[in-house]
Amino acid sequence: RMPQRWLALPHGHGAAQLVCDFDDLPFESNSLDLLVL
């Protein structure tokens, strides 16, 4: 029930809300409450 929930993929895809490199995540350190791998 968190207000901000994203699905990230390493390439463009219809379901993706964020496209990024999984080895260099575009988030600041200490910024996420939950991470699912």
PDB file of all heavy atoms in Angstrom:
ATOM      1  N   ARG A   1       0.808  -1.224   0.000  1.00  0.00           N
ATOM      2  CA  ARG A   1       0.000   0.000   0.000  1.00  0.00           C
ATOM      3  C   ARG A   1       0.843   1.278   0.000  1.00  0.00           C
ATOM      4  O   ARG A   1       0.338   2.347   0.327  1.00  0.00           O
ATOM      5  CB  ARG A   1      -0.923  -0.010   1.212  1.00  0.00           C
ATOM      6  CG  ARG A   1      -2.045  -1.032   1.117  1.00  0.00           C
ATOM      7  CD  ARG A   1      -2.760  -1.208   2.428  1.00  0.00           C
ATOM      8  NE  ARG A   1      -1.957  -1.985   3.369  1.00  0.00           N
ATOM      9  CZ  ARG A   1      -2.351  -2.268   4.612  1.00  0.00           C
ATOM     10  NH1 ARG A   1      -3.502  -1.811   5.062  1.00  0.00           N
ATOM     11  NH2 ARG A   1      -1.577  -2.985   5.407  1.00  0.00           N
ATOM     12  N   MET A   2       2.108   1.183  -0.349  1.00  0.00           N
ATOM     13  CA  MET A   2       2.922   2.388  -0.404  1.00  0.00           C
ATOM     14  C   MET A   2       2.447   3.299  -1.539  1.00  0.00           C
ATOM     15  O   MET A   2       1.999   2.827  -2.588  1.00  0.00           O
ATOM     16  CB  MET A   2       4.394   2.029  -0.612  1.00  0.00           C
ATOM     17  CG  MET A   2       5.028   1.308   0.559  1.00  0.00           C
ATOM     18  SD  MET A   2       6.808   1.139   0.375  1.00  0.00           S
ATOM     19  CE  MET A   2       7.136  -0.146   1.601  1.00  0.00           C
ATOM     20  N   PRO A   3       2.555   4.622  -1.354  1.00  0.00           N
ATOM     21  CA  PRO A   3       2.066   5.545  -2.390  1.00  0.00           C
ATOM     22  C   PRO A   3       2.877   5.520  -3.682  1.00  0.00           C
ATOM     23  O   PRO A   3       2.351   5.810  -4.749  1.00  0.00           O
ATOM     24  CB  PRO A   3       2.155   6.919  -1.709  1.00  0.00           C
ATOM     25  CG  PRO A   3       3.162   6.751  -0.629  1.00  0.00           C
ATOM     26  CD  PRO A   3       3.015   5.338  -0.156  1.00  0.00           C
ATOM     27  N   GLN A   4       4.154   5.184  -3.598  1.00  0.00           N
ATOM     28  CA  GLN A   4       5.016   5.138  -4.787  1.00  0.00           C
ATOM     29  C   GLN A   4       5.520   3.713  -4.985  1.00  0.00           C
ATOM     30  O   GLN A   4       6.313   3.205  -4.192  1.00  0.00           O
ATOM     31  CB  GLN A   4       6.208   6.099  -4.622  1.00  0.00           C
ATOM     32  CG  GLN A   4       5.828   7.557  -4.448  1.00  0.00           C
ATOM     33  CD  GLN A   4       5.223   8.155  -5.716  1.00  0.00           C
ATOM     34  OE1 GLN A   4       5.462   7.662  -6.813  1.00  0.00           O
ATOM     35  NE2 GLN A   4       4.453   9.216  -5.566  1.00  0.00           N
ATOM     36  N   ARG A   5       5.036   3.047  -6.047  1.00  0.00           N
ATOM     37  CA  ARG A   5       5.445   1.667  -6.357  1.00  0.00           C
ATOM     38  C   ARG A   5       5.786   1.592  -7.839  1.00  0.00           C
ATOM     39  O   ARG A   5       4.987   2.009  -8.676  1.00  0.00           O
ATOM     40  CB  ARG A   5       4.307   0.695  -6.036  1.00  0.00           C
ATOM     41  CG  ARG A   5       4.035   0.536  -4.548  1.00  0.00           C
ATOM     42  CD  ARG A   5       2.756  -0.224  -4.300  1.00  0.00           C
ATOM     43  NE  ARG A   5       1.586   0.549  -4.714  1.00  0.00           N
ATOM     44  CZ  ARG A   5       0.364   0.053  -4.817  1.00  0.00           C
ATOM     45  NH1 ARG A   5       0.123  -1.219  -4.583  1.00  0.00           N
ATOM     46  NH2 ARG A   5      -0.640   0.830  -5.191  1.00  0.00           N
ATOM     47  N   TRP A   6       6.977   1.080  -8.142  1.00  0.00           N
ATOM     48  CA  TRP A   6       7.444   1.066  -9.520  1.00  0.00           C
ATOM     49  C   TRP A   6       7.902  -0.333  -9.926  1.00  0.00           C
ATOM     50  O   TRP A   6       8.486  -1.075  -9.139  1.00  0.00           O
ATOM     51  CB  TRP A   6       8.623   2.030  -9.698  1.00  0.00           C
ATOM     52  CG  TRP A   6       8.337   3.437  -9.306  1.00  0.00           C
ATOM     53  CD1 TRP A   6       7.415   4.283  -9.851  1.00  0.00           C
ATOM     54  CD2 TRP A   6       8.987   4.188  -8.271  1.00  0.00           C
ATOM     55  NE1 TRP A   6       7.456   5.505  -9.236  1.00  0.00           N
ATOM     56  CE2 TRP A   6       8.408   5.473  -8.257  1.00  0.00           C
ATOM     57  CE3 TRP A   6      10.004   3.903  -7.359  1.00  0.00           C
ATOM     58  CZ2 TRP A   6       8.800   6.465  -7.367  1.00  0.00           C
ATOM     59  CZ3 TRP A   6      10.400   4.884  -6.463  1.00  0.00           C
ATOM     60  CH2 TRP A   6       9.799   6.145  -6.475  1.00  0.00           C
ATOM     61  N   LEU A   7       7.665  -0.652 -11.180  1.00  0.00           N
ATOM     62  CA  LEU A   7       8.254  -1.827 -11.822  1.00  0.00           C
ATOM     63  C   LEU A   7       9.350  -1.326 -12.751  1.00  0.00           C
ATOM     64  O   LEU A   7       9.085  -0.545 -13.667  1.00  0.00           O
ATOM     65  CB  LEU A   7       7.209  -2.609 -12.614  1.00  0.00           C
ATOM     66  CG  LEU A   7       7.765  -3.683 -13.561  1.00  0.00           C
ATOM     67  CD1 LEU A   7       8.452  -4.795 -12.763  1.00  0.00           C
ATOM     68  CD2 LEU A   7       6.656  -4.253 -14.444  1.00  0.00           C
ATOM     69  N   ALA A   8      10.572  -1.755 -12.519  1.00  0.00           N
ATOM     70  CA  ALA A   8      11.710  -1.352 -13.350  1.00  0.00           C
ATOM     71  C   ALA A   8      12.151  -2.521 -14.222  1.00  0.00           C
ATOM     72  O   ALA A   8      12.210  -3.665 -13.769  1.00  0.00           O
ATOM     73  CB  ALA A   8      12.874  -0.880 -12.478  1.00  0.00           C
ATOM     74  N   LEU A   9      12.451  -2.218 -15.477  1.00  0.00           N
ATOM     75  CA  LEU A   9      12.973  -3.202 -16.412  1.00  0.00           C
ATOM     76  C   LEU A   9      14.235  -2.636 -17.053  1.00  0.00           C
ATOM     77  O   LEU A   9      14.395  -1.415 -17.142  1.00  0.00           O
ATOM     78  CB  LEU A   9      11.938  -3.535 -17.487  1.00  0.00           C
ATOM     79  CG  LEU A   9      10.645  -4.212 -17.008  1.00  0.00           C
ATOM     80  CD1 LEU A   9       9.669  -4.372 -18.164  1.00  0.00           C
ATOM     81  CD2 LEU A   9      10.935  -5.544 -16.350  1.00  0.00           C
ATOM     82  N   PRO A  10      15.138  -3.492 -17.510  1.00  0.00           N
ATOM     83  CA  PRO A  10      16.381  -2.995 -18.103  1.00  0.00           C
ATOM     84  C   PRO A  10      16.232  -2.559 -19.550  1.00  0.00           C
ATOM     85  O   PRO A  10      17.203  -2.189 -20.190  1.00  0.00           O
ATOM     86  CB  PRO A  10      17.323  -4.199 -17.994  1.00  0.00           C
ATOM     87  CG  PRO A  10      16.416  -5.379 -18.064  1.00  0.00           C
ATOM     88  CD  PRO A  10      15.142  -4.957 -17.375  1.00  0.00           C
ATOM     89  N   HIS A  11      15.009  -2.585 -20.085  1.00  0.00           N
ATOM     90  CA  HIS A  11      14.771  -2.246 -21.486  1.00  0.00           C
ATOM     91  C   HIS A  11      13.324  -1.815 -21.626  1.00  0.00           C
ATOM     92  O   HIS A  11      12.489  -2.080 -20.748  1.00  0.00           O
ATOM     93  CB  HIS A  11      15.046  -3.454 -22.388  1.00  0.00           C
ATOM     94  CG  HIS A  11      14.722  -4.748 -21.725  1.00  0.00           C
ATOM     95  ND1 HIS A  11      13.439  -5.093 -21.363  1.00  0.00           N
ATOM     96  CD2 HIS A  11      15.525  -5.754 -21.310  1.00  0.00           C
ATOM     97  CE1 HIS A  11      13.463  -6.273 -20.760  1.00  0.00           C
ATOM     98  NE2 HIS A  11      14.699  -6.694 -20.707  1.00  0.00           N
ATOM     99  N   GLY A  12      12.994  -1.131 -22.713  1.00  0.00           N
ATOM    100  CA  GLY A  12      11.636  -0.676 -22.926  1.00  0.00           C
ATOM    101  C   GLY A  12      10.671  -1.831 -23.065  1.00  0.00           C
ATOM    102  O   GLY A  12      10.909  -2.775 -23.814  1.00  0.00           O
ATOM    103  N   HIS A  13       9.570  -1.802 -22.331  1.00  0.00           N
ATOM    104  CA  HIS A  13       8.569  -2.851 -22.374  1.00  0.00           C
ATOM    105  C   HIS A  13       7.258  -2.232 -21.921  1.00  0.00           C
ATOM    106  O   HIS A  13       7.251  -1.297 -21.116  1.00  0.00           O
ATOM    107  CB  HIS A  13       8.970  -4.013 -21.467  1.00  0.00           C
ATOM    108  CG  HIS A  13       8.090  -5.220 -21.604  1.00  0.00           C
ATOM    109  ND1 HIS A  13       6.993  -5.430 -20.816  1.00  0.00           N
ATOM    110  CD2 HIS A  13       8.144  -6.271 -22.455  1.00  0.00           C
ATOM    111  CE1 HIS A  13       6.408  -6.576 -21.163  1.00  0.00           C
ATOM    112  NE2 HIS A  13       7.087  -7.096 -22.149  1.00  0.00           N
ATOM    113  N   GLY A  14       6.154  -2.754 -22.416  1.00  0.00           N
ATOM    114  CA  GLY A  14       4.870  -2.143 -22.136  1.00  0.00           C
ATOM    115  C   GLY A  14       4.549  -2.012 -20.660  1.00  0.00           C
ATOM    116  O   GLY A  14       3.877  -1.072 -20.242  1.00  0.00           O
ATOM    117  N   ALA A  15       5.010  -2.965 -19.832  1.00  0.00           N
ATOM    118  CA  ALA A  15       4.666  -2.941 -18.414  1.00  0.00           C
ATOM    119  C   ALA A  15       5.604  -2.069 -17.591  1.00  0.00           C
ATOM    120  O   ALA A  15       5.318  -1.795 -16.423  1.00  0.00           O
ATOM    121  CB  ALA A  15       4.692  -4.373 -17.869  1.00  0.00           C
ATOM    122  N   ALA A  16       6.708  -1.635 -18.157  1.00  0.00           N
ATOM    123  CA  ALA A  16       7.719  -0.912 -17.392  1.00  0.00           C
ATOM    124  C   ALA A  16       7.247   0.477 -17.000  1.00  0.00           C
ATOM    125  O   ALA A  16       6.676   1.205 -17.807  1.00  0.00           O
ATOM    126  CB  ALA A  16       9.016  -0.818 -18.186  1.00  0.00           C
ATOM    127  N   GLN A  17       7.496   0.856 -15.750  1.00  0.00           N
ATOM    128  CA  GLN A  17       7.280   2.223 -15.291  1.00  0.00           C
ATOM    129  C   GLN A  17       8.606   2.971 -15.186  1.00  0.00           C
ATOM    130  O   GLN A  17       8.624   4.187 -15.073  1.00  0.00           O
ATOM    131  CB  GLN A  17       6.583   2.183 -13.934  1.00  0.00           C
ATOM    132  CG  GLN A  17       5.182   1.579 -14.009  1.00  0.00           C
ATOM    133  CD  GLN A  17       4.668   1.164 -12.654  1.00  0.00           C
ATOM    134  OE1 GLN A  17       5.319   0.438 -11.914  1.00  0.00           O
ATOM    135  NE2 GLN A  17       3.472   1.618 -12.318  1.00  0.00           N
ATOM    136  N   LEU A  18       9.680   2.215 -15.203  1.00  0.00           N
ATOM    137  CA  LEU A  18      11.019   2.796 -15.135  1.00  0.00           C
ATOM    138  C   LEU A  18      11.968   1.892 -15.911  1.00  0.00           C
ATOM    139  O   LEU A  18      11.922   0.672 -15.772  1.00  0.00           O
ATOM    140  CB  LEU A  18      11.477   2.912 -13.678  1.00  0.00           C
ATOM    141  CG  LEU A  18      12.917   3.361 -13.419  1.00  0.00           C
ATOM    142  CD1 LEU A  18      13.103   4.807 -13.867  1.00  0.00           C
ATOM    143  CD2 LEU A  18      13.270   3.206 -11.951  1.00  0.00           C
ATOM    144  N   VAL A  19      12.786   2.488 -16.758  1.00  0.00           N
ATOM    145  CA  VAL A  19      13.822   1.741 -17.486  1.00  0.00           C
ATOM    146  C   VAL A  19      15.169   2.174 -16.939  1.00  0.00           C
ATOM    147  O   VAL A  19      15.483   3.366 -16.916  1.00  0.00           O
ATOM    148  CB  VAL A  19      13.749   2.018 -19.004  1.00  0.00           C
ATOM    149  CG1 VAL A  19      14.882   1.315 -19.733  1.00  0.00           C
ATOM    150  CG2 VAL A  19      12.402   1.565 -19.556  1.00  0.00           C
ATOM    151  N   CYS A  20      15.961   1.216 -16.471  1.00  0.00           N
ATOM    152  CA  CYS A  20      17.235   1.583 -15.860  1.00  0.00           C
ATOM    153  C   CYS A  20      18.185   0.399 -15.871  1.00  0.00           C
ATOM    154  O   CYS A  20      17.808  -0.740 -16.157  1.00  0.00           O
ATOM    155  CB  CYS A  20      17.030   2.073 -14.421  1.00  0.00           C
ATOM    156  SG  CYS A  20      16.441   0.795 -13.286  1.00  0.00           S
ATOM    157  N   ASP A  21      19.431   0.688 -15.548  1.00  0.00           N
ATOM    158  CA  ASP A  21      20.468  -0.320 -15.399  1.00  0.00           C
ATOM    159  C   ASP A  21      20.383  -0.874 -13.986  1.00  0.00           C
ATOM    160  O   ASP A  21      20.531  -0.134 -13.009  1.00  0.00           O
ATOM    161  CB  ASP A  21      21.835   0.329 -15.655  1.00  0.00           C
ATOM    162  CG  ASP A  21      22.987  -0.668 -15.572  1.00  0.00           C
ATOM    163  OD1 ASP A  21      22.755  -1.829 -15.176  1.00  0.00           O
ATOM    164  OD2 ASP A  21      24.119  -0.276 -15.896  1.00  0.00           O
ATOM    165  N   PHE A  22      20.156  -2.166 -13.848  1.00  0.00           N
ATOM    166  CA  PHE A  22      20.004  -2.763 -12.521  1.00  0.00           C
ATOM    167  C   PHE A  22      21.291  -2.712 -11.712  1.00  0.00           C
ATOM    168  O   PHE A  22      21.264  -2.875 -10.489  1.00  0.00           O
ATOM    169  CB  PHE A  22      19.533  -4.216 -12.644  1.00  0.00           C
ATOM    170  CG  PHE A  22      18.111  -4.368 -13.114  1.00  0.00           C
ATOM    171  CD1 PHE A  22      17.570  -5.629 -13.309  1.00  0.00           C
ATOM    172  CD2 PHE A  22      17.321  -3.261 -13.363  1.00  0.00           C
ATOM    173  CE1 PHE A  22      16.256  -5.778 -13.745  1.00  0.00           C
ATOM    174  CE2 PHE A  22      16.007  -3.391 -13.805  1.00  0.00           C
ATOM    175  CZ  PHE A  22      15.478  -4.660 -13.995  1.00  0.00           C
ATOM    176  N   ASP A  23      22.424  -2.528 -12.372  1.00  0.00           N
ATOM    177  CA  ASP A  23      23.705  -2.446 -11.668  1.00  0.00           C
ATOM    178  C   ASP A  23      24.083  -1.018 -11.313  1.00  0.00           C
ATOM    179  O   ASP A  23      25.126  -0.778 -10.704  1.00  0.00           O
ATOM    180  CB  ASP A  23      24.815  -3.070 -12.524  1.00  0.00           C
ATOM    181  CG  ASP A  23      24.590  -4.557 -12.753  1.00  0.00           C
ATOM    182  OD1 ASP A  23      24.189  -5.239 -11.790  1.00  0.00           O
ATOM    183  OD2 ASP A  23      24.804  -5.027 -13.885  1.00  0.00           O
ATOM    184  N   ASP A  24      23.239  -0.066 -11.687  1.00  0.00           N
ATOM    185  CA  ASP A  24      23.466   1.346 -11.366  1.00  0.00           C
ATOM    186  C   ASP A  24      22.097   2.001 -11.238  1.00  0.00           C
ATOM    187  O   ASP A  24      21.665   2.742 -12.108  1.00  0.00           O
ATOM    188  CB  ASP A  24      24.307   2.017 -12.458  1.00  0.00           C
ATOM    189  CG  ASP A  24      24.660   3.451 -12.108  1.00  0.00           C
ATOM    190  OD1 ASP A  24      24.604   3.809 -10.913  1.00  0.00           O
ATOM    191  OD2 ASP A  24      24.967   4.228 -13.034  1.00  0.00           O
ATOM    192  N   LEU A  25      21.429   1.732 -10.134  1.00  0.00           N
ATOM    193  CA  LEU A  25      20.041   2.157  -9.969  1.00  0.00           C
ATOM    194  C   LEU A  25      19.935   3.680  -9.865  1.00  0.00           C
ATOM    195  O   LEU A  25      20.746   4.318  -9.191  1.00  0.00           O
ATOM    196  CB  LEU A  25      19.442   1.519  -8.709  1.00  0.00           C
ATOM    197  CG  LEU A  25      19.325  -0.012  -8.754  1.00  0.00           C
ATOM    198  CD1 LEU A  25      18.856  -0.547  -7.410  1.00  0.00           C
ATOM    199  CD2 LEU A  25      18.365  -0.445  -9.858  1.00  0.00           C
ATOM    200  N   PRO A  26      18.940   4.274 -10.537  1.00  0.00           N
ATOM    201  CA  PRO A  26      18.797   5.730 -10.552  1.00  0.00           C
ATOM    202  C   PRO A  26      18.090   6.262  -9.312  1.00  0.00           C
ATOM    203  O   PRO A  26      17.131   7.042  -9.404  1.00  0.00           O
ATOM    204  CB  PRO A  26      17.967   5.964 -11.820  1.00  0.00           C
ATOM    205  CG  PRO A  26      17.095   4.771 -11.897  1.00  0.00           C
ATOM    206  CD  PRO A  26      17.949   3.619 -11.417  1.00  0.00           C
ATOM    207  N   PHE A  27      18.526   5.841  -8.140  1.00  0.00           N
ATOM    208  CA  PHE A  27      17.969   6.301  -6.881  1.00  0.00           C
ATOM    209  C   PHE A  27      19.103   6.706  -5.946  1.00  0.00           C
ATOM    210  O   PHE A  27      20.191   6.115  -5.978  1.00  0.00           O
ATOM    211  CB  PHE A  27      17.125   5.199  -6.215  1.00  0.00           C
ATOM    212  CG  PHE A  27      15.873   4.852  -6.954  1.00  0.00           C
ATOM    213  CD1 PHE A  27      15.881   3.858  -7.929  1.00  0.00           C
ATOM    214  CD2 PHE A  27      14.684   5.506  -6.696  1.00  0.00           C
ATOM    215  CE1 PHE A  27      14.731   3.530  -8.620  1.00  0.00           C
ATOM    216  CE2 PHE A  27      13.526   5.188  -7.380  1.00  0.00           C
ATOM    217  CZ  PHE A  27      13.545   4.206  -8.348  1.00  0.00           C
ATOM    218  N   GLU A  28      18.821   7.682  -5.114  1.00  0.00           N
ATOM    219  CA  GLU A  28      19.797   8.092  -4.108  1.00  0.00           C
ATOM    220  C   GLU A  28      19.991   6.979  -3.082  1.00  0.00           C
ATOM    221  O   GLU A  28      19.115   6.134  -2.887  1.00  0.00           O
ATOM    222  CB  GLU A  28      19.327   9.375  -3.412  1.00  0.00           C
ATOM    223  CG  GLU A  28      19.253  10.588  -4.329  1.00  0.00           C
ATOM    224  CD  GLU A  28      20.615  10.976  -4.875  1.00  0.00           C
ATOM    225  OE1 GLU A  28      21.582  11.015  -4.077  1.00  0.00           O
ATOM    226  OE2 GLU A  28      20.726  11.232  -6.075  1.00  0.00           O
ATOM    227  N   SER A  29      21.123   6.987  -2.430  1.00  0.00           N
ATOM    228  CA  SER A  29      21.371   6.025  -1.359  1.00  0.00           C
ATOM    229  C   SER A  29      20.345   6.216  -0.242  1.00  0.00           C
ATOM    230  O   SER A  29      19.902   7.339   0.024  1.00  0.00           O
ATOM    231  CB  SER A  29      22.789   6.198  -0.806  1.00  0.00           C
ATOM    232  OG  SER A  29      23.752   5.971  -1.814  1.00  0.00           O
ATOM    233  N   ASN A  30      19.963   5.116   0.388  1.00  0.00           N
ATOM    234  CA  ASN A  30      19.033   5.145   1.528  1.00  0.00           C
ATOM    235  C   ASN A  30      17.703   5.819   1.172  1.00  0.00           C
ATOM    236  O   ASN A  30      17.203   6.668   1.900  1.00  0.00           O
ATOM    237  CB  ASN A  30      19.667   5.880   2.720  1.00  0.00           C
ATOM    238  CG  ASN A  30      21.006   5.299   3.108  1.00  0.00           C
ATOM    239  OD1 ASN A  30      21.156   4.090   3.212  1.00  0.00           O
ATOM    240  ND2 ASN A  30      21.989   6.154   3.299  1.00  0.00           N
ATOM    241  N   SER A  31      17.127   5.431   0.038  1.00  0.00           N
ATOM    242  CA  SER A  31      15.914   6.111  -0.427  1.00  0.00           C
ATOM    243  C   SER A  31      14.702   5.206  -0.602  1.00  0.00           C
ATOM    244  O   SER A  31      13.589   5.709  -0.727  1.00  0.00           O
ATOM    245  CB  SER A  31      16.189   6.824  -1.756  1.00  0.00           C
ATOM    246  OG  SER A  31      16.575   5.892  -2.752  1.00  0.00           O
ATOM    247  N   LEU A  32      14.871   3.891  -0.610  1.00  0.00           N
ATOM    248  CA  LEU A  32      13.747   2.985  -0.852  1.00  0.00           C
ATOM    249  C   LEU A  32      13.393   2.208   0.418  1.00  0.00           C
ATOM    250  O   LEU A  32      14.269   1.804   1.175  1.00  0.00           O
ATOM    251  CB  LEU A  32      14.079   1.994  -1.970  1.00  0.00           C
ATOM    252  CG  LEU A  32      14.355   2.588  -3.360  1.00  0.00           C
ATOM    253  CD1 LEU A  32      14.671   1.473  -4.350  1.00  0.00           C
ATOM    254  CD2 LEU A  32      13.179   3.414  -3.846  1.00  0.00           C
ATOM    255  N   ASP A  33      12.106   1.996   0.613  1.00  0.00           N
ATOM    256  CA  ASP A  33      11.631   1.250   1.781  1.00  0.00           C
ATOM    257  C   ASP A  33      11.495  -0.243   1.497  1.00  0.00           C
ATOM    258  O   ASP A  33      11.575  -1.057   2.415  1.00  0.00           O
ATOM    259  CB  ASP A  33      10.274   1.797   2.229  1.00  0.00           C
ATOM    260  CG  ASP A  33      10.343   3.262   2.601  1.00  0.00           C
ATOM    261  OD1 ASP A  33      10.876   3.574   3.671  1.00  0.00           O
ATOM    262  OD2 ASP A  33       9.875   4.096   1.792  1.00  0.00           O
ATOM    263  N   LEU A  34      11.259  -0.601   0.239  1.00  0.00           N
ATOM    264  CA  LEU A  34      11.046  -2.002  -0.134  1.00  0.00           C
ATOM    265  C   LEU A  34      11.616  -2.238  -1.519  1.00  0.00           C
ATOM    266  O   LEU A  34      11.359  -1.457  -2.440  1.00  0.00           O
ATOM    267  CB  LEU A  34       9.548  -2.327  -0.114  1.00  0.00           C
ATOM    268  CG  LEU A  34       9.113  -3.680  -0.684  1.00  0.00           C
ATOM    269  CD1 LEU A  34       9.741  -4.827   0.098  1.00  0.00           C
ATOM    270  CD2 LEU A  34       7.589  -3.788  -0.690  1.00  0.00           C
ATOM    271  N   LEU A  35      12.375  -3.324  -1.655  1.00  0.00           N
ATOM    272  CA  LEU A  35      12.962  -3.687  -2.938  1.00  0.00           C
ATOM    273  C   LEU A  35      12.742  -5.177  -3.167  1.00  0.00           C
ATOM    274  O   LEU A  35      13.092  -6.007  -2.323  1.00  0.00           O
ATOM    275  CB  LEU A  35      14.461  -3.371  -2.943  1.00  0.00           C
ATOM    276  CG  LEU A  35      15.225  -3.536  -4.253  1.00  0.00           C
ATOM    277  CD1 LEU A  35      14.603  -2.709  -5.362  1.00  0.00           C
ATOM    278  CD2 LEU A  35      16.683  -3.160  -4.068  1.00  0.00           C
ATOM    279  N   VAL A  36      12.128  -5.506  -4.314  1.00  0.00           N
ATOM    280  CA  VAL A  36      11.823  -6.894  -4.661  1.00  0.00           C
ATOM    281  C   VAL A  36      12.688  -7.306  -5.841  1.00  0.00           C
ATOM    282  O   VAL A  36      12.685  -6.641  -6.889  1.00  0.00           O
ATOM    283  CB  VAL A  36      10.322  -7.055  -5.008  1.00  0.00           C
ATOM    284  CG1 VAL A  36      10.036  -8.484  -5.454  1.00  0.00           C
ATOM    285  CG2 VAL A  36       9.464  -6.693  -3.798  1.00  0.00           C
ATOM    286  N   LEU A  37      13.423  -8.398  -5.681  1.00  0.00           N
ATOM    287  CA  LEU A  37      14.310  -8.915  -6.731  1.00  0.00           C
ATOM    288  C   LEU A  37      13.836 -10.306  -7.151  1.00  0.00           C
ATOM    289  O   LEU A  37      14.286 -11.316  -6.609  1.00  0.00           O
ATOM    290  CB  LEU A  37      15.760  -8.991  -6.234  1.00  0.00           C
ATOM    291  CG  LEU A  37      16.385  -7.724  -5.646  1.00  0.00           C
ATOM    292  CD1 LEU A  37      17.841  -7.986  -5.257  1.00  0.00           C
ATOM    293  CD2 LEU A  37      16.308  -6.571  -6.629  1.00  0.00           C
TER     294      LEU A  37
END
